[in-house]
């Protein structure tokens, strides 16, 4: 988060970035848990998720893309994986239509997919706000020059 703020010249705030990554993990685990309980096939969610990752990669500022991809890897750490895997396995073992290997461990894929989306979404938002602010300053500057 500190490096991201330095690279983005202050457009990406480190505390907000941490919150956005945590929000992505929360959304991923929530949607993954819903998918397990609903019995939906995992590949539909993963394919749609990565289609969004590709789209966001195209529109996101170039400095945020590596940070976003790294945030997906960071969220699968030594603390997250055992907790998320235990949740997924516990859900999958207690539902007769679930396969614990696919559904239980598939929850980890959701925990790493959605932080990428939320971080790139934050980068797109920050860049939009930066350009909007620059336009406002330019129009103010032009008004004073007249």
Protein backbone atom coordinates (compact mmCIF):
# COMPACT_ATOMS: atom_id res chain seq x y z
CA UNK A 1 0.00 0.00 0.00
CA UNK A 2 2.88 2.36 0.74
CA UNK A 3 4.54 1.62 -2.62
CA UNK A 4 1.22 2.01 -4.42
CA UNK A 5 0.80 5.50 -2.97
CA UNK A 6 4.34 6.43 -4.04
CA UNK A 7 3.95 5.07 -7.58
CA UNK A 8 0.58 6.77 -8.11
CA UNK A 9 1.94 10.12 -6.91
CA UNK A 10 -0.62 10.25 -4.11
CA UNK A 11 -3.68 9.36 -6.23
CA UNK A 12 -3.96 5.98 -4.49
CA UNK A 13 -4.19 6.32 -0.72
CA UNK A 14 -2.69 3.45 1.27
CA UNK A 15 -5.49 3.20 3.86
CA UNK A 16 -8.17 3.22 1.17
CA UNK A 17 -6.24 0.59 -0.79
CA UNK A 18 -6.17 -1.67 2.25
CA UNK A 19 -9.91 -1.23 2.72
CA UNK A 20 -10.55 -1.92 -0.98
CA UNK A 21 -8.51 -5.15 -0.84
CA UNK A 22 -10.37 -6.26 2.30
CA UNK A 23 -13.68 -5.41 0.61
CA UNK A 24 -12.68 -7.52 -2.38
CA UNK A 25 -11.87 -10.49 -0.14
CA UNK A 26 -15.19 -10.05 1.68
CA UNK A 27 -17.15 -9.90 -1.59
CA UNK A 28 -15.28 -12.92 -2.93
CA UNK A 29 -15.84 -15.06 0.14
CA UNK A 30 -19.47 -13.96 0.36
CA UNK A 31 -20.20 -14.74 -3.30
CA UNK A 32 -18.22 -17.98 -3.13
CA UNK A 33 -20.15 -19.10 -0.06
CA UNK A 34 -23.42 -18.22 -1.76
CA UNK A 35 -22.35 -20.24 -4.80
CA UNK A 36 -21.61 -23.28 -2.64
CA UNK A 37 -24.97 -23.09 -0.86
CA UNK A 38 -26.88 -22.44 -4.10
CA UNK A 39 -25.08 -25.33 -5.83
CA UNK A 40 -24.14 -23.31 -8.92
CA UNK A 41 -21.20 -24.53 -11.03
CA UNK A 42 -17.94 -22.81 -10.11
CA UNK A 43 -16.68 -22.36 -13.65
CA UNK A 44 -19.44 -19.89 -14.57
CA UNK A 45 -18.44 -17.56 -11.76
CA UNK A 46 -14.71 -17.87 -12.40
CA UNK A 47 -15.04 -17.32 -16.16
CA UNK A 48 -17.23 -14.23 -15.70
CA UNK A 49 -14.90 -12.95 -12.98
CA UNK A 50 -11.84 -13.21 -15.19
CA UNK A 51 -13.67 -11.62 -18.12
CA UNK A 52 -14.20 -8.64 -15.82
CA UNK A 53 -10.52 -8.77 -14.82
CA UNK A 54 -9.54 -8.54 -18.50
CA UNK A 55 -11.93 -5.63 -19.10
CA UNK A 56 -10.76 -3.80 -15.97
CA UNK A 57 -7.12 -4.42 -16.98
CA UNK A 58 -7.77 -2.58 -20.23
CA UNK A 59 -9.39 0.44 -18.58
CA UNK A 60 -7.35 0.66 -15.38
CA UNK A 61 -4.36 2.99 -15.14
CA UNK A 62 -1.16 1.12 -15.94
CA UNK A 63 0.39 1.76 -12.52
CA UNK A 64 -2.46 0.02 -10.68
CA UNK A 65 -2.62 -3.21 -12.75
CA UNK A 66 0.45 -4.90 -11.18
CA UNK A 67 -0.70 -3.80 -7.74
CA UNK A 68 -4.15 -5.27 -8.40
CA UNK A 69 -2.75 -8.58 -9.63
CA UNK A 70 -0.42 -8.71 -6.64
CA UNK A 71 -3.32 -8.07 -4.27
CA UNK A 72 -4.92 -11.26 -5.56
CA UNK A 73 -1.81 -13.19 -4.55
CA UNK A 74 -1.41 -11.40 -1.24
CA UNK A 75 -4.89 -12.38 -0.12
CA UNK A 76 -4.00 -16.06 -0.41
CA UNK A 77 -1.56 -15.88 2.48
CA UNK A 78 -0.75 -18.19 5.34
CA UNK A 79 -3.60 -16.73 7.39
CA UNK A 80 -6.30 -16.49 4.74
CA UNK A 81 -5.98 -19.90 3.07
CA UNK A 82 -6.54 -22.07 6.18
CA UNK A 83 -9.51 -19.98 7.31
CA UNK A 84 -11.15 -19.74 3.90
CA UNK A 85 -10.44 -23.39 3.08
CA UNK A 86 -11.93 -24.45 6.43
CA UNK A 87 -15.06 -22.40 5.70
CA UNK A 88 -15.38 -23.80 2.19
CA UNK A 89 -14.72 -27.38 3.24
CA UNK A 90 -17.16 -27.08 6.13
CA UNK A 91 -19.90 -25.79 3.84
CA UNK A 92 -19.19 -28.31 1.09
CA UNK A 93 -19.06 -31.33 3.39
CA UNK A 94 -22.45 -30.55 4.89
CA UNK A 95 -24.27 -30.14 1.58
CA UNK A 96 -24.91 -33.34 -0.36
CA UNK A 97 -24.61 -31.70 -3.81
CA UNK A 98 -21.13 -30.30 -3.15
CA UNK A 99 -17.70 -31.78 -3.81
CA UNK A 100 -15.41 -30.66 -0.97
CA UNK A 101 -12.35 -30.56 -3.20
CA UNK A 102 -13.84 -28.37 -5.90
CA UNK A 103 -16.27 -26.34 -3.86
CA UNK A 104 -14.28 -26.13 -0.65
CA UNK A 105 -10.97 -25.15 -2.17
CA UNK A 106 -12.71 -23.17 -4.91
CA UNK A 107 -13.57 -20.60 -2.29
CA UNK A 108 -9.89 -19.62 -2.23
CA UNK A 109 -10.14 -18.73 -5.92
CA UNK A 110 -12.93 -16.28 -5.10
CA UNK A 111 -10.85 -14.77 -2.29
CA UNK A 112 -8.05 -14.01 -4.76
CA UNK A 113 -10.19 -12.98 -7.76
CA UNK A 114 -12.27 -10.19 -6.30
CA UNK A 115 -9.47 -8.09 -4.74
CA UNK A 116 -8.08 -7.72 -8.27
CA UNK A 117 -11.42 -6.34 -9.41
CA UNK A 118 -11.88 -3.97 -6.49
CA UNK A 119 -8.32 -2.61 -6.68
CA UNK A 120 -8.55 -1.97 -10.42
CA UNK A 121 -11.99 -0.44 -9.89
CA UNK A 122 -10.48 1.86 -7.29
CA UNK A 123 -7.67 2.76 -9.71
CA UNK A 124 -10.19 3.59 -12.43
CA UNK A 125 -12.14 5.72 -9.95
CA UNK A 126 -9.01 7.51 -8.70
CA UNK A 127 -7.85 8.27 -12.25
CA UNK A 128 -11.29 9.59 -13.19
CA UNK A 129 -11.33 11.83 -10.11
CA UNK A 130 -7.79 13.04 -10.90
CA UNK A 131 -8.76 13.99 -14.48
CA UNK A 132 -11.95 15.68 -13.27
CA UNK A 133 -9.94 17.68 -10.75
CA UNK A 134 -7.40 18.69 -13.42
CA UNK A 135 -10.18 19.88 -15.75
CA UNK A 136 -11.69 21.95 -12.95
CA UNK A 137 -8.30 23.51 -12.20
CA UNK A 138 -7.72 24.26 -15.89
CA UNK A 139 -11.11 25.90 -16.27
CA UNK A 140 -10.49 27.94 -13.12
CA UNK A 141 -7.05 28.91 -14.42
CA UNK A 142 -8.51 29.93 -17.82
CA UNK A 143 -11.18 31.99 -16.06
CA UNK A 144 -8.54 33.89 -14.07
CA UNK A 145 -6.36 34.45 -17.14
CA UNK A 146 -9.18 36.18 -19.03
